[in-house]
Amino acid sequence: MRLDKVLEQQQIGSRKAVRRLFQRGLVCVNGQTVRNEGLNVEPAFHQIEVAGKELIFAGHTYFMMNKPQGAVTAVSDSEHMTVIDLIEDGERTPKLYPVGRLDRDTEGLLLITDNGQLGYELMHPSKKVTKRYEVVVNEALHSQDCRRFSEGITFIGGTRCQPAKLTILSSSPKESRAYLDITEGKFHQVKKMFLSVGKKVIFLKRISMGPLQLTPELLPGEYRRLNRDELELLLPYFETKNRNE
């Protein structure tokens, strides 16, 4: 949330009056004078003072969900249950949306928020944020599969994936388990990558996205608010926009 917008919403003054506060050095964030009106702030870890008086304001909402199979990663759907439907009415806000998407039959870590800027920083391909998946396939995995993934899989039609890291956990002719780390999110990408090496995905679960790790106690369909430690892990993604302004 832009700092100048926060001040305006808190009725500190008109846009012109708020600008003068910055010019006079009367706005502080975490004890430091700030003159960048567009600074992205979040009350979870930013203390804002205006002329020596602390400003208290409501911030964004951040939920970690263990998405269950069967739910679609969407705000609304006329045929299927959505991940937003799983949020209790009292905690649901109009602007909540899932960051990125998981296929309907895929489960695992999903961030749900009303902070559009954070969603952009985490999911835009240029940001190269790593997502880790736990994958089960129906055939044996071999070292040459790891090599092909590291070189970048090319789909039929010429679409090429960025290099990915495949870590084999177990391998047998009927079932293999692995971790897959990717930095992009093409449509059905993980399933297509394994199909390109002759394997079918029979189970897929996202277990991390950037610094966020899915906590084991969160069962499929359950969600909780991010704790302060997790929000602090996301701080660099808030500050990316600030550095570019």
C-alpha atoms as a PDB file:
ATOM      1  CA  MET A   1       0.000   0.000   0.000  1.00  0.00           C
ATOM      2  CA  ARG A   2       1.490   3.358  -1.029  1.00  0.00           C
ATOM      3  CA  LEU A   3       2.449   5.518   1.926  1.00  0.00           C
ATOM      4  CA  ASP A   4       0.849   8.657   0.523  1.00  0.00           C
ATOM      5  CA  LYS A   5      -2.409   6.766  -0.048  1.00  0.00           C
ATOM      6  CA  VAL A   6      -2.340   5.542   3.556  1.00  0.00           C
ATOM      7  CA  LEU A   7      -2.011   9.122   4.796  1.00  0.00           C
ATOM      8  CA  GLU A   8      -4.846  10.297   2.576  1.00  0.00           C
ATOM      9  CA  GLN A   9      -7.111   7.408   3.648  1.00  0.00           C
ATOM     10  CA  GLN A  10      -6.404   8.213   7.291  1.00  0.00           C
ATOM     11  CA  GLN A  11      -7.560  11.777   6.559  1.00  0.00           C
ATOM     12  CA  ILE A  12      -4.192  13.300   7.413  1.00  0.00           C
ATOM     13  CA  GLY A  13      -4.900  15.883   4.751  1.00  0.00           C
ATOM     14  CA  SER A  14      -5.450  16.507   1.057  1.00  0.00           C
ATOM     15  CA  ARG A  15      -2.994  15.186  -1.527  1.00  0.00           C
ATOM     16  CA  LYS A  16      -1.307  18.574  -1.575  1.00  0.00           C
ATOM     17  CA  ALA A  17      -1.107  18.718   2.232  1.00  0.00           C
ATOM     18  CA  VAL A  18       0.324  15.193   2.381  1.00  0.00           C
ATOM     19  CA  ARG A  19       2.981  16.131  -0.165  1.00  0.00           C
ATOM     20  CA  ARG A  20       4.021  19.064   2.017  1.00  0.00           C
ATOM     21  CA  LEU A  21       4.439  16.718   4.995  1.00  0.00           C
ATOM     22  CA  PHE A  22       6.940  14.667   2.989  1.00  0.00           C
ATOM     23  CA  GLN A  23       8.752  17.786   1.823  1.00  0.00           C
ATOM     24  CA  ARG A  24       9.083  19.052   5.415  1.00  0.00           C
ATOM     25  CA  GLY A  25      10.462  15.699   6.616  1.00  0.00           C
ATOM     26  CA  LEU A  26       7.550  15.051   8.973  1.00  0.00           C
ATOM     27  CA  VAL A  27       6.850  11.467   7.824  1.00  0.00           C
ATOM     28  CA  CYS A  28       8.866   8.647   9.409  1.00  0.00           C
ATOM     29  CA  VAL A  29       8.812   4.895   8.797  1.00  0.00           C
ATOM     30  CA  ASN A  30      10.482   2.686  11.400  1.00  0.00           C
ATOM     31  CA  GLY A  31      12.158   5.765  12.863  1.00  0.00           C
ATOM     32  CA  GLN A  32      13.609   6.987   9.553  1.00  0.00           C
ATOM     33  CA  THR A  33      12.502  10.147   7.727  1.00  0.00           C
ATOM     34  CA  VAL A  34      10.901   9.236   4.405  1.00  0.00           C
ATOM     35  CA  ARG A  35      10.476  11.516   1.406  1.00  0.00           C
ATOM     36  CA  ASN A  36       9.382   8.821  -1.056  1.00  0.00           C
ATOM     37  CA  GLU A  37       5.621   9.244  -1.232  1.00  0.00           C
ATOM     38  CA  GLY A  38       5.202   5.975  -3.145  1.00  0.00           C
ATOM     39  CA  LEU A  39       6.924   3.807  -0.532  1.00  0.00           C
ATOM     40  CA  ASN A  40       5.092   0.476  -0.185  1.00  0.00           C
ATOM     41  CA  VAL A  41       4.203  -0.059   3.484  1.00  0.00           C
ATOM     42  CA  GLU A  42       2.506  -2.752   5.521  1.00  0.00           C
ATOM     43  CA  PRO A  43       1.418  -2.235   9.167  1.00  0.00           C
ATOM     44  CA  ALA A  44       2.593  -5.746  10.069  1.00  0.00           C
ATOM     45  CA  PHE A  45       6.200  -4.534  10.038  1.00  0.00           C
ATOM     46  CA  HIS A  46       6.206  -0.775   9.353  1.00  0.00           C
ATOM     47  CA  GLN A  47       5.708   1.804  12.117  1.00  0.00           C
ATOM     48  CA  ILE A  48       4.528   5.081  10.604  1.00  0.00           C
ATOM     49  CA  GLU A  49       4.739   8.434  12.364  1.00  0.00           C
ATOM     50  CA  VAL A  50       3.432  11.774  11.113  1.00  0.00           C
ATOM     51  CA  ALA A  51       4.756  14.822  12.960  1.00  0.00           C
ATOM     52  CA  GLY A  52       5.786  12.574  15.841  1.00  0.00           C
ATOM     53  CA  LYS A  53       2.424  10.828  16.182  1.00  0.00           C
ATOM     54  CA  GLU A  54       2.139   7.113  15.395  1.00  0.00           C
ATOM     55  CA  LEU A  55      -0.398   6.229  12.715  1.00  0.00           C
ATOM     56  CA  ILE A  56      -2.501   3.093  13.193  1.00  0.00           C
ATOM     57  CA  PHE A  57      -4.122   1.678  10.072  1.00  0.00           C
ATOM     58  CA  ALA A  58      -5.529  -1.592   8.761  1.00  0.00           C
ATOM     59  CA  GLY A  59      -3.272  -3.500   6.411  1.00  0.00           C
ATOM     60  CA  HIS A  60      -3.717  -6.238   3.851  1.00  0.00           C
ATOM     61  CA  THR A  61      -4.915  -9.769   4.525  1.00  0.00           C
ATOM     62  CA  TYR A  62      -2.615 -12.766   4.017  1.00  0.00           C
ATOM     63  CA  PHE A  63      -3.757 -16.389   4.243  1.00  0.00           C
ATOM     64  CA  MET A  64      -1.743 -19.556   3.742  1.00  0.00           C
ATOM     65  CA  MET A  65      -3.987 -22.348   2.460  1.00  0.00           C
ATOM     66  CA  ASN A  66      -3.357 -26.010   1.845  1.00  0.00           C
ATOM     67  CA  LYS A  67      -5.450 -26.214  -1.292  1.00  0.00           C
ATOM     68  CA  PRO A  68      -7.420 -29.467  -1.489  1.00  0.00           C
ATOM     69  CA  GLN A  69      -7.977 -31.485  -4.629  1.00  0.00           C
ATOM     70  CA  GLY A  70     -11.295 -30.589  -6.250  1.00  0.00           C
ATOM     71  CA  ALA A  71     -11.184 -26.851  -5.514  1.00  0.00           C
ATOM     72  CA  VAL A  72     -10.414 -24.475  -8.362  1.00  0.00           C
ATOM     73  CA  THR A  73      -7.925 -21.646  -7.953  1.00  0.00           C
ATOM     74  CA  ALA A  74     -10.301 -18.819  -8.781  1.00  0.00           C
ATOM     75  CA  VAL A  75     -12.357 -16.106  -7.119  1.00  0.00           C
ATOM     76  CA  SER A  76     -15.617 -17.480  -8.512  1.00  0.00           C
ATOM     77  CA  ASP A  77     -16.774 -20.428 -10.605  1.00  0.00           C
ATOM     78  CA  SER A  78     -20.272 -21.404 -11.692  1.00  0.00           C
ATOM     79  CA  GLU A  79     -19.607 -25.163 -11.524  1.00  0.00           C
ATOM     80  CA  HIS A  80     -16.964 -25.885  -8.899  1.00  0.00           C
ATOM     81  CA  MET A  81     -15.996 -24.924  -5.389  1.00  0.00           C
ATOM     82  CA  THR A  82     -13.282 -22.267  -5.349  1.00  0.00           C
ATOM     83  CA  VAL A  83     -10.490 -21.669  -2.861  1.00  0.00           C
ATOM     84  CA  ILE A  84     -12.217 -18.410  -1.892  1.00  0.00           C
ATOM     85  CA  ASP A  85     -15.345 -20.411  -0.985  1.00  0.00           C
ATOM     86  CA  LEU A  86     -13.213 -22.148   1.662  1.00  0.00           C
ATOM     87  CA  ILE A  87     -12.586 -18.848   3.469  1.00  0.00           C
ATOM     88  CA  GLU A  88     -15.105 -18.249   6.244  1.00  0.00           C
ATOM     89  CA  ASP A  89     -17.553 -15.413   5.598  1.00  0.00           C
ATOM     90  CA  GLY A  90     -16.290 -13.353   8.518  1.00  0.00           C
ATOM     91  CA  GLU A  91     -12.719 -13.383   7.164  1.00  0.00           C
ATOM     92  CA  ARG A  92     -13.540 -12.936   3.490  1.00  0.00           C
ATOM     93  CA  THR A  93     -13.027  -9.521   1.898  1.00  0.00           C
ATOM     94  CA  PRO A  94     -14.125  -8.425  -1.595  1.00  0.00           C
ATOM     95  CA  LYS A  95     -10.585  -8.116  -2.983  1.00  0.00           C
ATOM     96  CA  LEU A  96      -9.189 -11.472  -1.822  1.00  0.00           C
ATOM     97  CA  TYR A  97      -7.674 -13.535  -4.607  1.00  0.00           C
ATOM     98  CA  PRO A  98      -5.317 -16.538  -4.963  1.00  0.00           C
ATOM     99  CA  VAL A  99      -1.732 -15.764  -5.976  1.00  0.00           C
ATOM    100  CA  GLY A 100      -0.967 -17.928  -8.997  1.00  0.00           C
ATOM    101  CA  ARG A 101      -2.928 -21.051  -9.787  1.00  0.00           C
ATOM    102  CA  LEU A 102      -2.912 -24.743  -9.029  1.00  0.00           C
ATOM    103  CA  ASP A 103      -4.780 -27.272 -11.174  1.00  0.00           C
ATOM    104  CA  ARG A 104      -8.048 -28.565  -9.784  1.00  0.00           C
ATOM    105  CA  ASP A 105      -6.507 -31.974  -8.980  1.00  0.00           C
ATOM    106  CA  THR A 106      -3.361 -30.425  -7.450  1.00  0.00           C
ATOM    107  CA  GLU A 107      -3.070 -29.644  -3.755  1.00  0.00           C
ATOM    108  CA  GLY A 108      -0.691 -27.684  -1.594  1.00  0.00           C
ATOM    109  CA  LEU A 109       0.539 -24.219  -0.740  1.00  0.00           C
ATOM    110  CA  LEU A 110      -1.549 -21.305  -1.910  1.00  0.00           C
ATOM    111  CA  LEU A 111      -1.225 -17.682  -0.826  1.00  0.00           C
ATOM    112  CA  ILE A 112      -4.516 -15.791  -0.714  1.00  0.00           C
ATOM    113  CA  THR A 113      -4.348 -12.036  -0.251  1.00  0.00           C
ATOM    114  CA  ASP A 114      -5.787  -8.676  -1.264  1.00  0.00           C
ATOM    115  CA  ASN A 115      -2.314  -7.245  -1.921  1.00  0.00           C
ATOM    116  CA  GLY A 116      -2.046  -7.150  -5.697  1.00  0.00           C
ATOM    117  CA  GLN A 117       1.485  -5.760  -5.736  1.00  0.00           C
ATOM    118  CA  LEU A 118       2.813  -8.654  -3.650  1.00  0.00           C
ATOM    119  CA  GLY A 119       1.075 -11.129  -5.931  1.00  0.00           C
ATOM    120  CA  TYR A 120       2.781  -9.552  -8.931  1.00  0.00           C
ATOM    121  CA  GLU A 121       6.215  -9.703  -7.292  1.00  0.00           C
ATOM    122  CA  LEU A 122       5.787 -13.379  -6.443  1.00  0.00           C
ATOM    123  CA  MET A 123       4.318 -14.653  -9.699  1.00  0.00           C
ATOM    124  CA  HIS A 124       5.596 -12.582 -12.619  1.00  0.00           C
ATOM    125  CA  PRO A 125       8.009 -14.738 -14.693  1.00  0.00           C
ATOM    126  CA  SER A 126      10.654 -11.997 -14.684  1.00  0.00           C
ATOM    127  CA  LYS A 127      10.895 -12.261 -10.870  1.00  0.00           C
ATOM    128  CA  LYS A 128      12.021 -15.925 -11.057  1.00  0.00           C
ATOM    129  CA  VAL A 129      10.521 -16.902  -7.705  1.00  0.00           C
ATOM    130  CA  THR A 130      11.132 -20.611  -7.055  1.00  0.00           C
ATOM    131  CA  LYS A 131       8.166 -22.922  -6.473  1.00  0.00           C
ATOM    132  CA  ARG A 132       8.812 -26.435  -5.141  1.00  0.00           C
ATOM    133  CA  TYR A 133       6.471 -29.349  -5.861  1.00  0.00           C
ATOM    134  CA  GLU A 134       6.288 -32.844  -4.457  1.00  0.00           C
ATOM    135  CA  VAL A 135       5.597 -35.117  -7.416  1.00  0.00           C
ATOM    136  CA  VAL A 136       4.642 -38.785  -7.772  1.00  0.00           C
ATOM    137  CA  VAL A 137       4.871 -40.359 -11.243  1.00  0.00           C
ATOM    138  CA  ASN A 138       3.904 -43.785 -12.548  1.00  0.00           C
ATOM    139  CA  GLU A 139       7.326 -44.921 -13.767  1.00  0.00           C
ATOM    140  CA  ALA A 140      10.979 -44.950 -12.780  1.00  0.00           C
ATOM    141  CA  LEU A 141      12.904 -41.677 -12.731  1.00  0.00           C
ATOM    142  CA  HIS A 142      16.558 -41.640 -13.751  1.00  0.00           C
ATOM    143  CA  SER A 143      19.535 -39.295 -13.718  1.00  0.00           C
ATOM    144  CA  GLN A 144      18.978 -38.495 -17.400  1.00  0.00           C
ATOM    145  CA  ASP A 145      15.569 -37.085 -16.471  1.00  0.00           C
ATOM    146  CA  CYS A 146      17.294 -34.730 -14.022  1.00  0.00           C
ATOM    147  CA  ARG A 147      19.664 -33.677 -16.779  1.00  0.00           C
ATOM    148  CA  ARG A 148      16.856 -32.986 -19.259  1.00  0.00           C
ATOM    149  CA  PHE A 149      14.979 -30.897 -16.719  1.00  0.00           C
ATOM    150  CA  SER A 150      18.136 -28.905 -15.922  1.00  0.00           C
ATOM    151  CA  GLU A 151      18.603 -28.158 -19.635  1.00  0.00           C
ATOM    152  CA  GLY A 152      15.029 -26.871 -20.033  1.00  0.00           C
ATOM    153  CA  ILE A 153      12.190 -29.029 -21.297  1.00  0.00           C
ATOM    154  CA  THR A 154      10.731 -28.188 -24.734  1.00  0.00           C
ATOM    155  CA  PHE A 155       7.074 -29.014 -25.363  1.00  0.00           C
ATOM    156  CA  ILE A 156       5.589 -30.140 -28.657  1.00  0.00           C
ATOM    157  CA  GLY A 157       5.015 -26.931 -30.577  1.00  0.00           C
ATOM    158  CA  GLY A 158       8.300 -25.373 -29.515  1.00  0.00           C
ATOM    159  CA  THR A 159       7.456 -23.853 -26.127  1.00  0.00           C
ATOM    160  CA  ARG A 160      10.570 -24.072 -23.986  1.00  0.00           C
ATOM    161  CA  CYS A 161      10.650 -24.141 -20.191  1.00  0.00           C
ATOM    162  CA  GLN A 162      13.287 -22.498 -18.070  1.00  0.00           C
ATOM    163  CA  PRO A 163      15.844 -24.885 -16.512  1.00  0.00           C
ATOM    164  CA  ALA A 164      14.371 -26.717 -13.529  1.00  0.00           C
ATOM    165  CA  LYS A 165      15.814 -28.825 -10.724  1.00  0.00           C
ATOM    166  CA  LEU A 166      14.536 -32.388 -10.362  1.00  0.00           C
ATOM    167  CA  THR A 167      15.540 -34.186  -7.151  1.00  0.00           C
ATOM    168  CA  ILE A 168      14.673 -37.895  -7.098  1.00  0.00           C
ATOM    169  CA  LEU A 169      13.525 -39.126  -3.682  1.00  0.00           C
ATOM    170  CA  SER A 170      12.690 -42.712  -4.659  1.00  0.00           C
ATOM    171  CA  SER A 171      12.441 -44.601  -7.937  1.00  0.00           C
ATOM    172  CA  SER A 172      10.816 -47.875  -8.989  1.00  0.00           C
ATOM    173  CA  PRO A 173       9.210 -49.168 -12.209  1.00  0.00           C
ATOM    174  CA  LYS A 174       5.686 -48.528 -10.872  1.00  0.00           C
ATOM    175  CA  GLU A 175       6.075 -45.357  -8.815  1.00  0.00           C
ATOM    176  CA  SER A 176       8.682 -42.645  -8.243  1.00  0.00           C
ATOM    177  CA  ARG A 177       8.754 -39.621  -5.963  1.00  0.00           C
ATOM    178  CA  ALA A 178      10.648 -36.397  -6.509  1.00  0.00           C
ATOM    179  CA  TYR A 179      10.909 -32.696  -5.775  1.00  0.00           C
ATOM    180  CA  LEU A 180      10.676 -30.293  -8.678  1.00  0.00           C
ATOM    181  CA  ASP A 181      11.846 -26.672  -8.403  1.00  0.00           C
ATOM    182  CA  ILE A 182      10.658 -24.286 -11.124  1.00  0.00           C
ATOM    183  CA  THR A 183      10.662 -20.503 -11.507  1.00  0.00           C
ATOM    184  CA  GLU A 184       7.704 -20.090 -13.871  1.00  0.00           C
ATOM    185  CA  GLY A 185       4.116 -21.244 -14.104  1.00  0.00           C
ATOM    186  CA  LYS A 186       2.957 -22.201 -17.593  1.00  0.00           C
ATOM    187  CA  PHE A 187      -0.438 -23.869 -18.019  1.00  0.00           C
ATOM    188  CA  HIS A 188      -0.228 -27.489 -16.745  1.00  0.00           C
ATOM    189  CA  GLN A 189       3.540 -27.032 -16.835  1.00  0.00           C
ATOM    190  CA  VAL A 190       4.627 -29.683 -14.337  1.00  0.00           C
ATOM    191  CA  LYS A 191       2.448 -32.397 -15.855  1.00  0.00           C
ATOM    192  CA  LYS A 192       3.604 -31.549 -19.364  1.00  0.00           C
ATOM    193  CA  MET A 193       7.259 -31.557 -18.319  1.00  0.00           C
ATOM    194  CA  PHE A 194       7.002 -35.106 -17.009  1.00  0.00           C
ATOM    195  CA  LEU A 195       4.980 -36.248 -20.014  1.00  0.00           C
ATOM    196  CA  SER A 196       7.810 -34.995 -22.211  1.00  0.00           C
ATOM    197  CA  VAL A 197      10.109 -37.559 -20.570  1.00  0.00           C
ATOM    198  CA  GLY A 198       7.494 -40.326 -20.753  1.00  0.00           C
ATOM    199  CA  LYS A 199       6.094 -40.152 -17.207  1.00  0.00           C
ATOM    200  CA  LYS A 200       2.571 -39.433 -15.976  1.00  0.00           C
ATOM    201  CA  VAL A 201       2.013 -37.375 -12.835  1.00  0.00           C
ATOM    202  CA  ILE A 202      -0.337 -39.200 -10.445  1.00  0.00           C
ATOM    203  CA  PHE A 203       0.053 -36.849  -7.477  1.00  0.00           C
ATOM    204  CA  LEU A 204       1.155 -33.218  -7.299  1.00  0.00           C
ATOM    205  CA  LYS A 205       1.520 -30.940  -4.303  1.00  0.00           C
ATOM    206  CA  ARG A 206       3.154 -27.522  -4.016  1.00  0.00           C
ATOM    207  CA  ILE A 207       5.122 -27.301  -0.784  1.00  0.00           C
ATOM    208  CA  SER A 208       6.877 -23.942  -1.095  1.00  0.00           C
ATOM    209  CA  MET A 209       6.746 -20.651  -2.971  1.00  0.00           C
ATOM    210  CA  GLY A 210       9.662 -18.289  -2.547  1.00  0.00           C
ATOM    211  CA  PRO A 211      10.350 -18.111   1.211  1.00  0.00           C
ATOM    212  CA  LEU A 212       6.952 -19.529   2.215  1.00  0.00           C
ATOM    213  CA  GLN A 213       6.833 -23.168   3.315  1.00  0.00           C
ATOM    214  CA  LEU A 214       3.623 -25.166   3.685  1.00  0.00           C
ATOM    215  CA  THR A 215       3.358 -26.156   7.348  1.00  0.00           C
ATOM    216  CA  PRO A 216       2.682 -29.887   7.942  1.00  0.00           C
ATOM    217  CA  GLU A 217      -0.128 -29.299  10.443  1.00  0.00           C
ATOM    218  CA  LEU A 218      -2.217 -27.482   7.815  1.00  0.00           C
ATOM    219  CA  LEU A 219      -4.496 -30.164   6.362  1.00  0.00           C
ATOM    220  CA  PRO A 220      -5.977 -30.001   2.831  1.00  0.00           C
ATOM    221  CA  GLY A 221      -8.757 -27.417   2.830  1.00  0.00           C
ATOM    222  CA  GLU A 222      -7.449 -25.625   5.919  1.00  0.00           C
ATOM    223  CA  TYR A 223      -5.978 -22.136   6.009  1.00  0.00           C
ATOM    224  CA  ARG A 224      -4.537 -19.659   8.486  1.00  0.00           C
ATOM    225  CA  ARG A 225      -3.197 -16.127   8.561  1.00  0.00           C
ATOM    226  CA  LEU A 226       0.502 -15.693   7.930  1.00  0.00           C
ATOM    227  CA  ASN A 227       2.451 -15.147  11.126  1.00  0.00           C
ATOM    228  CA  ARG A 228       4.878 -12.288  11.662  1.00  0.00           C
ATOM    229  CA  ASP A 229       7.936 -14.399  10.841  1.00  0.00           C
ATOM    230  CA  GLU A 230       6.429 -15.366   7.482  1.00  0.00           C
ATOM    231  CA  LEU A 231       5.491 -11.773   6.716  1.00  0.00           C
ATOM    232  CA  GLU A 232       9.048 -10.699   7.456  1.00  0.00           C
ATOM    233  CA  LEU A 233      10.289 -13.334   4.997  1.00  0.00           C
ATOM    234  CA  LEU A 234       8.134 -11.596   2.373  1.00  0.00           C
ATOM    235  CA  LEU A 235       9.551  -8.165   3.195  1.00  0.00           C
ATOM    236  CA  PRO A 236      12.059  -8.183   0.259  1.00  0.00           C
ATOM    237  CA  TYR A 237       9.147  -8.588  -2.165  1.00  0.00           C
ATOM    238  CA  PHE A 238       7.442  -5.516  -0.699  1.00  0.00           C
ATOM    239  CA  GLU A 239      10.680  -3.574  -0.984  1.00  0.00           C
ATOM    240  CA  THR A 240      11.275  -4.521  -4.639  1.00  0.00           C
ATOM    241  CA  LYS A 241       8.768  -1.923  -5.750  1.00  0.00           C
ATOM    242  CA  ASN A 242      10.275   0.642  -3.410  1.00  0.00           C
ATOM    243  CA  ARG A 243      13.771   0.170  -4.870  1.00  0.00           C
ATOM    244  CA  ASN A 244      12.464   0.601  -8.411  1.00  0.00           C
ATOM    245  CA  GLU A 245      10.702   3.914  -7.750  1.00  0.00           C
END
